[in-house]
């Protein structure tokens, strides 16, 4: 017996798939106030903004800065996050959100290059991010400024309580991931090794993978640019990065070519 679909069923299924393609309306990108923004917040924000910009979406969202954005996020601290009507997408899922809507830079990578691409993203997530957290939150020369920024806009004693809570959470994360078992010198050594590897990848190309812009380049730009702009009391991250001119030039080139920011060239000359 032949079973036929109800009239309009196929069309509705096709429509439901097509609705996920393209960029939705009423998109908002949330993060903290400028006065609260730590290096780690700025790195993630720059990465997401650059990711949207390379897809031509820079005019397709509204940036919202809220003093309590950390506690508005679907997962505390997962800034920045997107809000699309009743849907909220945290920072870790924004890349998947874009890919789902056919905004992807790496769909044509071969297996070897795709593996390399995923590896670099993993290095940023599992090595560079923890190192940033360590020097921002646990360095004794930086933690006072970190507390002052993170707690900005909150009254005492709430300010102190929130800072101590976040400090404990960062420390716990670094303990669980093994970073608290390392000395400051060892962590600095990990940073040098990572930056050296990335610098070597850029020896003969302006991109990490051959001559193709990928999400790995975008996220690397976001983190390195945040470090270049950092003004921490103990600015060991910036001092270390400045020893790798290819990475500094990578940020300058990325800003000019992909973000249209010609003025940035003069900031570091």
C-alpha atoms as a PDB file:
ATOM      1  CA  UNK A   1       0.000   0.000   0.000  1.00  0.00           C
ATOM      2  CA  UNK A   2       1.383   3.365  -0.958  1.00  0.00           C
ATOM      3  CA  UNK A   3       1.522   5.881   1.831  1.00  0.00           C
ATOM      4  CA  UNK A   4       1.601   9.504   0.811  1.00  0.00           C
ATOM      5  CA  UNK A   5       2.622  12.429   2.984  1.00  0.00           C
ATOM      6  CA  UNK A   6      -0.005  14.847   4.043  1.00  0.00           C
ATOM      7  CA  UNK A   7      -0.277  17.922   1.816  1.00  0.00           C
ATOM      8  CA  UNK A   8       2.199  20.542   2.922  1.00  0.00           C
ATOM      9  CA  UNK A   9       4.195  18.191   5.205  1.00  0.00           C
ATOM     10  CA  UNK A  10       7.271  18.055   2.953  1.00  0.00           C
ATOM     11  CA  UNK A  11       7.113  21.798   2.431  1.00  0.00           C
ATOM     12  CA  UNK A  12       6.948  22.433   6.183  1.00  0.00           C
ATOM     13  CA  UNK A  13       9.931  20.150   6.835  1.00  0.00           C
ATOM     14  CA  UNK A  14      11.969  21.896   4.148  1.00  0.00           C
ATOM     15  CA  UNK A  15      10.913  25.244   5.571  1.00  0.00           C
ATOM     16  CA  UNK A  16      11.997  24.260   9.081  1.00  0.00           C
ATOM     17  CA  UNK A  17      15.474  23.417   7.777  1.00  0.00           C
ATOM     18  CA  UNK A  18      15.741  26.570   5.714  1.00  0.00           C
ATOM     19  CA  UNK A  19      14.819  28.726   8.692  1.00  0.00           C
ATOM     20  CA  UNK A  20      18.114  27.771  10.315  1.00  0.00           C
ATOM     21  CA  UNK A  21      20.112  29.087   7.359  1.00  0.00           C
ATOM     22  CA  UNK A  22      21.068  32.707   7.123  1.00  0.00           C
ATOM     23  CA  UNK A  23      21.290  35.241   9.910  1.00  0.00           C
ATOM     24  CA  UNK A  24      18.274  35.825  12.170  1.00  0.00           C
ATOM     25  CA  UNK A  25      16.801  39.208  13.048  1.00  0.00           C
ATOM     26  CA  UNK A  26      17.057  40.973  16.408  1.00  0.00           C
ATOM     27  CA  UNK A  27      20.438  39.598  17.480  1.00  0.00           C
ATOM     28  CA  UNK A  28      22.100  41.097  20.558  1.00  0.00           C
ATOM     29  CA  UNK A  29      25.646  40.471  21.789  1.00  0.00           C
ATOM     30  CA  UNK A  30      26.050  40.894  25.552  1.00  0.00           C
ATOM     31  CA  UNK A  31      29.154  41.541  27.612  1.00  0.00           C
ATOM     32  CA  UNK A  32      30.206  43.511  30.698  1.00  0.00           C
ATOM     33  CA  UNK A  33      30.802  47.250  31.026  1.00  0.00           C
ATOM     34  CA  UNK A  34      34.099  48.667  29.768  1.00  0.00           C
ATOM     35  CA  UNK A  35      35.061  49.430  33.365  1.00  0.00           C
ATOM     36  CA  UNK A  36      34.599  45.758  34.307  1.00  0.00           C
ATOM     37  CA  UNK A  37      36.258  44.193  31.284  1.00  0.00           C
ATOM     38  CA  UNK A  38      39.224  41.983  32.128  1.00  0.00           C
ATOM     39  CA  UNK A  39      41.797  40.777  29.614  1.00  0.00           C
ATOM     40  CA  UNK A  40      40.007  37.425  29.505  1.00  0.00           C
ATOM     41  CA  UNK A  41      36.656  39.105  28.757  1.00  0.00           C
ATOM     42  CA  UNK A  42      38.195  41.260  26.062  1.00  0.00           C
ATOM     43  CA  UNK A  43      39.900  38.281  24.403  1.00  0.00           C
ATOM     44  CA  UNK A  44      36.613  36.405  24.062  1.00  0.00           C
ATOM     45  CA  UNK A  45      34.755  39.522  22.928  1.00  0.00           C
ATOM     46  CA  UNK A  46      37.337  40.341  20.263  1.00  0.00           C
ATOM     47  CA  UNK A  47      37.210  36.739  19.029  1.00  0.00           C
ATOM     48  CA  UNK A  48      33.425  36.728  18.660  1.00  0.00           C
ATOM     49  CA  UNK A  49      33.246  40.206  17.119  1.00  0.00           C
ATOM     50  CA  UNK A  50      35.973  39.277  14.618  1.00  0.00           C
ATOM     51  CA  UNK A  51      34.166  36.022  13.826  1.00  0.00           C
ATOM     52  CA  UNK A  52      30.971  37.905  13.032  1.00  0.00           C
ATOM     53  CA  UNK A  53      32.841  40.547  11.039  1.00  0.00           C
ATOM     54  CA  UNK A  54      34.685  38.134   8.733  1.00  0.00           C
ATOM     55  CA  UNK A  55      31.258  36.797   7.740  1.00  0.00           C
ATOM     56  CA  UNK A  56      30.014  40.326   6.984  1.00  0.00           C
ATOM     57  CA  UNK A  57      27.716  40.387  10.025  1.00  0.00           C
ATOM     58  CA  UNK A  58      29.183  43.440  11.772  1.00  0.00           C
ATOM     59  CA  UNK A  59      25.998  45.423  11.142  1.00  0.00           C
ATOM     60  CA  UNK A  60      23.679  42.524  11.989  1.00  0.00           C
ATOM     61  CA  UNK A  61      23.805  42.633  15.779  1.00  0.00           C
ATOM     62  CA  UNK A  62      23.525  45.141  18.598  1.00  0.00           C
ATOM     63  CA  UNK A  63      26.208  45.169  21.267  1.00  0.00           C
ATOM     64  CA  UNK A  64      24.859  45.424  24.801  1.00  0.00           C
ATOM     65  CA  UNK A  65      27.085  46.156  27.784  1.00  0.00           C
ATOM     66  CA  UNK A  66      25.508  45.341  31.156  1.00  0.00           C
ATOM     67  CA  UNK A  67      27.115  45.509  34.587  1.00  0.00           C
ATOM     68  CA  UNK A  68      25.516  42.160  35.472  1.00  0.00           C
ATOM     69  CA  UNK A  69      26.160  40.426  32.122  1.00  0.00           C
ATOM     70  CA  UNK A  70      28.234  37.747  33.873  1.00  0.00           C
ATOM     71  CA  UNK A  71      25.141  36.643  35.777  1.00  0.00           C
ATOM     72  CA  UNK A  72      22.803  37.021  32.785  1.00  0.00           C
ATOM     73  CA  UNK A  73      24.760  34.459  30.740  1.00  0.00           C
ATOM     74  CA  UNK A  74      23.237  30.976  30.300  1.00  0.00           C
ATOM     75  CA  UNK A  75      26.312  29.640  32.066  1.00  0.00           C
ATOM     76  CA  UNK A  76      27.882  32.042  34.530  1.00  0.00           C
ATOM     77  CA  UNK A  77      30.899  33.753  33.037  1.00  0.00           C
ATOM     78  CA  UNK A  78      30.385  32.410  29.492  1.00  0.00           C
ATOM     79  CA  UNK A  79      30.760  35.854  27.964  1.00  0.00           C
ATOM     80  CA  UNK A  80      30.001  37.204  25.521  1.00  0.00           C
ATOM     81  CA  UNK A  81      26.672  35.605  24.706  1.00  0.00           C
ATOM     82  CA  UNK A  82      24.131  36.053  21.934  1.00  0.00           C
ATOM     83  CA  UNK A  83      20.460  36.692  22.512  1.00  0.00           C
ATOM     84  CA  UNK A  84      18.102  36.021  19.611  1.00  0.00           C
ATOM     85  CA  UNK A  85      14.551  36.755  20.746  1.00  0.00           C
ATOM     86  CA  UNK A  86      13.954  33.944  23.267  1.00  0.00           C
ATOM     87  CA  UNK A  87      17.145  32.003  22.474  1.00  0.00           C
ATOM     88  CA  UNK A  88      20.442  32.514  24.280  1.00  0.00           C
ATOM     89  CA  UNK A  89      23.773  31.196  22.965  1.00  0.00           C
ATOM     90  CA  UNK A  90      26.808  31.221  25.243  1.00  0.00           C
ATOM     91  CA  UNK A  91      30.345  31.931  24.066  1.00  0.00           C
ATOM     92  CA  UNK A  92      31.324  28.270  23.711  1.00  0.00           C
ATOM     93  CA  UNK A  93      28.407  27.581  21.339  1.00  0.00           C
ATOM     94  CA  UNK A  94      28.603  30.655  19.091  1.00  0.00           C
ATOM     95  CA  UNK A  95      30.883  28.915  16.583  1.00  0.00           C
ATOM     96  CA  UNK A  96      28.419  26.011  16.278  1.00  0.00           C
ATOM     97  CA  UNK A  97      25.549  28.507  16.035  1.00  0.00           C
ATOM     98  CA  UNK A  98      27.236  30.113  13.017  1.00  0.00           C
ATOM     99  CA  UNK A  99      28.121  26.811  11.363  1.00  0.00           C
ATOM    100  CA  UNK A 100      24.511  25.672  11.715  1.00  0.00           C
ATOM    101  CA  UNK A 101      23.491  28.699   9.671  1.00  0.00           C
ATOM    102  CA  UNK A 102      26.096  28.052   6.965  1.00  0.00           C
ATOM    103  CA  UNK A 103      28.620  30.627   8.212  1.00  0.00           C
ATOM    104  CA  UNK A 104      31.770  28.531   8.158  1.00  0.00           C
ATOM    105  CA  UNK A 105      35.329  29.243   6.982  1.00  0.00           C
ATOM    106  CA  UNK A 106      36.559  25.654   7.047  1.00  0.00           C
ATOM    107  CA  UNK A 107      33.948  23.591   5.216  1.00  0.00           C
ATOM    108  CA  UNK A 108      36.397  22.788   2.393  1.00  0.00           C
ATOM    109  CA  UNK A 109      39.454  21.809   4.457  1.00  0.00           C
ATOM    110  CA  UNK A 110      40.976  18.432   3.741  1.00  0.00           C
ATOM    111  CA  UNK A 111      41.253  15.899   6.578  1.00  0.00           C
ATOM    112  CA  UNK A 112      44.824  16.813   7.511  1.00  0.00           C
ATOM    113  CA  UNK A 113      44.197  20.555   7.595  1.00  0.00           C
ATOM    114  CA  UNK A 114      40.925  20.079   9.468  1.00  0.00           C
ATOM    115  CA  UNK A 115      42.791  18.123  12.142  1.00  0.00           C
ATOM    116  CA  UNK A 116      45.360  20.908  12.402  1.00  0.00           C
ATOM    117  CA  UNK A 117      42.604  23.510  12.602  1.00  0.00           C
ATOM    118  CA  UNK A 118      40.871  21.704  15.440  1.00  0.00           C
ATOM    119  CA  UNK A 119      44.202  21.250  17.182  1.00  0.00           C
ATOM    120  CA  UNK A 120      44.974  24.981  17.162  1.00  0.00           C
ATOM    121  CA  UNK A 121      41.489  25.797  18.471  1.00  0.00           C
ATOM    122  CA  UNK A 122      42.089  23.254  21.250  1.00  0.00           C
ATOM    123  CA  UNK A 123      45.425  24.891  22.107  1.00  0.00           C
ATOM    124  CA  UNK A 124      43.720  28.262  22.415  1.00  0.00           C
ATOM    125  CA  UNK A 125      40.957  26.801  24.588  1.00  0.00           C
ATOM    126  CA  UNK A 126      43.038  24.487  26.764  1.00  0.00           C
ATOM    127  CA  UNK A 127      46.365  26.319  26.977  1.00  0.00           C
ATOM    128  CA  UNK A 128      46.113  30.019  26.151  1.00  0.00           C
ATOM    129  CA  UNK A 129      42.840  30.650  28.016  1.00  0.00           C
ATOM    130  CA  UNK A 130      44.031  29.012  31.282  1.00  0.00           C
ATOM    131  CA  UNK A 131      47.320  30.925  31.099  1.00  0.00           C
ATOM    132  CA  UNK A 132      45.396  34.190  30.728  1.00  0.00           C
ATOM    133  CA  UNK A 133      43.178  33.270  33.676  1.00  0.00           C
ATOM    134  CA  UNK A 134      46.191  32.401  35.802  1.00  0.00           C
ATOM    135  CA  UNK A 135      48.015  35.694  35.296  1.00  0.00           C
ATOM    136  CA  UNK A 136      44.847  37.794  35.538  1.00  0.00           C
ATOM    137  CA  UNK A 137      43.378  36.161  38.672  1.00  0.00           C
ATOM    138  CA  UNK A 138      46.244  34.502  40.552  1.00  0.00           C
ATOM    139  CA  UNK A 139      49.258  36.722  39.973  1.00  0.00           C
ATOM    140  CA  UNK A 140      49.692  38.648  43.215  1.00  0.00           C
ATOM    141  CA  UNK A 141      50.525  41.880  41.383  1.00  0.00           C
ATOM    142  CA  UNK A 142      47.458  41.675  39.130  1.00  0.00           C
ATOM    143  CA  UNK A 143      44.761  40.312  41.415  1.00  0.00           C
ATOM    144  CA  UNK A 144      44.075  43.649  43.169  1.00  0.00           C
ATOM    145  CA  UNK A 145      43.270  45.341  39.854  1.00  0.00           C
ATOM    146  CA  UNK A 146      41.293  42.269  38.784  1.00  0.00           C
ATOM    147  CA  UNK A 147      39.116  42.478  41.906  1.00  0.00           C
ATOM    148  CA  UNK A 148      38.582  46.214  41.378  1.00  0.00           C
ATOM    149  CA  UNK A 149      37.424  45.694  37.776  1.00  0.00           C
ATOM    150  CA  UNK A 150      35.358  42.571  38.309  1.00  0.00           C
ATOM    151  CA  UNK A 151      33.541  44.109  41.270  1.00  0.00           C
ATOM    152  CA  UNK A 152      32.959  47.478  39.637  1.00  0.00           C
ATOM    153  CA  UNK A 153      29.346  48.707  39.924  1.00  0.00           C
ATOM    154  CA  UNK A 154      28.555  46.434  42.873  1.00  0.00           C
ATOM    155  CA  UNK A 155      28.255  47.874  46.401  1.00  0.00           C
ATOM    156  CA  UNK A 156      30.196  46.540  49.359  1.00  0.00           C
ATOM    157  CA  UNK A 157      30.154  43.962  50.863  1.00  0.00           C
ATOM    158  CA  UNK A 158      28.594  42.328  47.763  1.00  0.00           C
ATOM    159  CA  UNK A 159      31.548  43.440  45.653  1.00  0.00           C
ATOM    160  CA  UNK A 160      34.044  41.596  47.829  1.00  0.00           C
ATOM    161  CA  UNK A 161      31.872  38.479  48.074  1.00  0.00           C
ATOM    162  CA  UNK A 162      31.419  38.247  44.292  1.00  0.00           C
ATOM    163  CA  UNK A 163      35.147  38.727  43.677  1.00  0.00           C
ATOM    164  CA  UNK A 164      36.086  36.044  46.201  1.00  0.00           C
ATOM    165  CA  UNK A 165      33.533  33.685  44.697  1.00  0.00           C
ATOM    166  CA  UNK A 166      34.904  34.206  41.183  1.00  0.00           C
ATOM    167  CA  UNK A 167      38.487  33.891  42.439  1.00  0.00           C
ATOM    168  CA  UNK A 168      37.619  30.529  44.017  1.00  0.00           C
ATOM    169  CA  UNK A 169      35.928  29.330  40.826  1.00  0.00           C
ATOM    170  CA  UNK A 170      38.927  30.275  38.670  1.00  0.00           C
ATOM    171  CA  UNK A 171      41.311  28.616  41.110  1.00  0.00           C
ATOM    172  CA  UNK A 172      39.175  25.461  41.186  1.00  0.00           C
ATOM    173  CA  UNK A 173      39.075  25.327  37.366  1.00  0.00           C
ATOM    174  CA  UNK A 174      42.867  25.661  37.185  1.00  0.00           C
ATOM    175  CA  UNK A 175      43.271  22.968  39.836  1.00  0.00           C
ATOM    176  CA  UNK A 176      40.982  20.539  38.007  1.00  0.00           C
ATOM    177  CA  UNK A 177      42.766  21.135  34.701  1.00  0.00           C
ATOM    178  CA  UNK A 178      46.219  20.715  36.265  1.00  0.00           C
ATOM    179  CA  UNK A 179      47.482  24.267  35.922  1.00  0.00           C
ATOM    180  CA  UNK A 180      47.772  24.828  39.663  1.00  0.00           C
ATOM    181  CA  UNK A 181      50.354  22.034  39.783  1.00  0.00           C
ATOM    182  CA  UNK A 182      52.720  24.210  37.760  1.00  0.00           C
ATOM    183  CA  UNK A 183      54.909  27.075  38.957  1.00  0.00           C
ATOM    184  CA  UNK A 184      54.668  30.545  37.417  1.00  0.00           C
ATOM    185  CA  UNK A 185      57.894  29.854  35.512  1.00  0.00           C
ATOM    186  CA  UNK A 186      56.507  26.595  34.148  1.00  0.00           C
ATOM    187  CA  UNK A 187      53.313  28.314  33.025  1.00  0.00           C
ATOM    188  CA  UNK A 188      55.373  31.021  31.367  1.00  0.00           C
ATOM    189  CA  UNK A 189      57.345  28.267  29.652  1.00  0.00           C
ATOM    190  CA  UNK A 190      54.090  26.780  28.331  1.00  0.00           C
ATOM    191  CA  UNK A 191      53.153  30.199  26.950  1.00  0.00           C
ATOM    192  CA  UNK A 192      56.515  30.597  25.210  1.00  0.00           C
ATOM    193  CA  UNK A 193      56.232  27.137  23.685  1.00  0.00           C
ATOM    194  CA  UNK A 194      52.729  27.886  22.389  1.00  0.00           C
ATOM    195  CA  UNK A 195      53.637  31.288  20.970  1.00  0.00           C
ATOM    196  CA  UNK A 196      56.764  29.805  19.389  1.00  0.00           C
ATOM    197  CA  UNK A 197      54.714  27.105  17.695  1.00  0.00           C
ATOM    198  CA  UNK A 198      52.150  29.601  16.385  1.00  0.00           C
ATOM    199  CA  UNK A 199      54.873  31.966  15.226  1.00  0.00           C
ATOM    200  CA  UNK A 200      56.479  29.136  13.252  1.00  0.00           C
ATOM    201  CA  UNK A 201      53.121  28.355  11.614  1.00  0.00           C
ATOM    202  CA  UNK A 202      53.079  31.965  10.367  1.00  0.00           C
ATOM    203  CA  UNK A 203      56.650  31.971   9.068  1.00  0.00           C
ATOM    204  CA  UNK A 204      55.717  31.736   5.405  1.00  0.00           C
ATOM    205  CA  UNK A 205      52.026  32.637   5.475  1.00  0.00           C
ATOM    206  CA  UNK A 206      49.692  35.250   6.871  1.00  0.00           C
ATOM    207  CA  UNK A 207      47.400  32.457   8.095  1.00  0.00           C
ATOM    208  CA  UNK A 208      47.900  29.428  10.314  1.00  0.00           C
ATOM    209  CA  UNK A 209      46.762  26.931   7.684  1.00  0.00           C
ATOM    210  CA  UNK A 210      48.320  27.519   4.267  1.00  0.00           C
ATOM    211  CA  UNK A 211      46.831  30.693   2.757  1.00  0.00           C
ATOM    212  CA  UNK A 212      43.287  30.205   4.034  1.00  0.00           C
ATOM    213  CA  UNK A 213      41.562  32.222   6.720  1.00  0.00           C
ATOM    214  CA  UNK A 214      40.063  29.905   9.330  1.00  0.00           C
ATOM    215  CA  UNK A 215      38.313  30.213  12.674  1.00  0.00           C
ATOM    216  CA  UNK A 216      41.663  29.379  14.292  1.00  0.00           C
ATOM    217  CA  UNK A 217      43.068  32.653  12.914  1.00  0.00           C
ATOM    218  CA  UNK A 218      40.032  34.544  14.188  1.00  0.00           C
ATOM    219  CA  UNK A 219      40.254  33.214  17.740  1.00  0.00           C
ATOM    220  CA  UNK A 220      44.016  33.622  17.816  1.00  0.00           C
ATOM    221  CA  UNK A 221      43.607  37.250  16.763  1.00  0.00           C
ATOM    222  CA  UNK A 222      41.060  37.892  19.526  1.00  0.00           C
ATOM    223  CA  UNK A 223      43.326  36.613  22.275  1.00  0.00           C
ATOM    224  CA  UNK A 224      46.560  38.134  21.022  1.00  0.00           C
ATOM    225  CA  UNK A 225      44.937  41.525  20.417  1.00  0.00           C
ATOM    226  CA  UNK A 226      43.597  41.556  23.970  1.00  0.00           C
ATOM    227  CA  UNK A 227      47.100  40.844  25.270  1.00  0.00           C
ATOM    228  CA  UNK A 228      48.591  43.588  23.083  1.00  0.00           C
ATOM    229  CA  UNK A 229      46.161  46.088  24.600  1.00  0.00           C
ATOM    230  CA  UNK A 230      46.564  44.872  28.176  1.00  0.00           C
ATOM    231  CA  UNK A 231      47.900  47.164  30.875  1.00  0.00           C
ATOM    232  CA  UNK A 232      48.284  44.756  33.784  1.00  0.00           C
ATOM    233  CA  UNK A 233      50.575  45.779  36.666  1.00  0.00           C
ATOM    234  CA  UNK A 234      52.599  42.619  35.994  1.00  0.00           C
ATOM    235  CA  UNK A 235      52.243  42.526  32.240  1.00  0.00           C
ATOM    236  CA  UNK A 236      54.270  39.376  31.639  1.00  0.00           C
ATOM    237  CA  UNK A 237      51.800  38.273  28.943  1.00  0.00           C
ATOM    238  CA  UNK A 238      52.472  41.372  26.833  1.00  0.00           C
ATOM    239  CA  UNK A 239      56.226  41.284  27.444  1.00  0.00           C
ATOM    240  CA  UNK A 240      56.336  37.673  26.298  1.00  0.00           C
ATOM    241  CA  UNK A 241      54.165  38.240  23.213  1.00  0.00           C
ATOM    242  CA  UNK A 242      56.318  41.181  22.093  1.00  0.00           C
ATOM    243  CA  UNK A 243      59.212  38.731  21.667  1.00  0.00           C
ATOM    244  CA  UNK A 244      57.316  37.159  18.765  1.00  0.00           C
ATOM    245  CA  UNK A 245      57.081  39.887  16.082  1.00  0.00           C
ATOM    246  CA  UNK A 246      55.354  37.575  13.604  1.00  0.00           C
ATOM    247  CA  UNK A 247      52.420  37.254  15.997  1.00  0.00           C
ATOM    248  CA  UNK A 248      52.279  41.012  16.552  1.00  0.00           C
ATOM    249  CA  UNK A 249      52.317  41.562  12.779  1.00  0.00           C
ATOM    250  CA  UNK A 250      49.651  38.884  12.405  1.00  0.00           C
ATOM    251  CA  UNK A 251      47.326  40.975  14.597  1.00  0.00           C
ATOM    252  CA  UNK A 252      48.090  44.157  12.673  1.00  0.00           C
ATOM    253  CA  UNK A 253      47.456  42.462   9.329  1.00  0.00           C
ATOM    254  CA  UNK A 254      44.270  40.801  10.545  1.00  0.00           C
ATOM    255  CA  UNK A 255      42.887  44.112  11.826  1.00  0.00           C
ATOM    256  CA  UNK A 256      43.623  45.917   8.601  1.00  0.00           C
ATOM    257  CA  UNK A 257      42.617  43.212   6.118  1.00  0.00           C
ATOM    258  CA  UNK A 258      39.588  41.698   7.841  1.00  0.00           C
ATOM    259  CA  UNK A 259      38.331  44.376  10.230  1.00  0.00           C
ATOM    260  CA  UNK A 260      39.142  47.444   8.143  1.00  0.00           C
ATOM    261  CA  UNK A 261      40.978  49.047  11.049  1.00  0.00           C
ATOM    262  CA  UNK A 262      43.805  50.925   9.333  1.00  0.00           C
ATOM    263  CA  UNK A 263      44.445  53.140  12.351  1.00  0.00           C
ATOM    264  CA  UNK A 264      45.643  50.221  14.489  1.00  0.00           C
ATOM    265  CA  UNK A 265      48.919  50.091  12.558  1.00  0.00           C
ATOM    266  CA  UNK A 266      50.208  53.151  14.383  1.00  0.00           C
ATOM    267  CA  UNK A 267      49.461  51.909  17.891  1.00  0.00           C
ATOM    268  CA  UNK A 268      52.364  49.494  17.912  1.00  0.00           C
ATOM    269  CA  UNK A 269      54.956  51.292  15.764  1.00  0.00           C
END
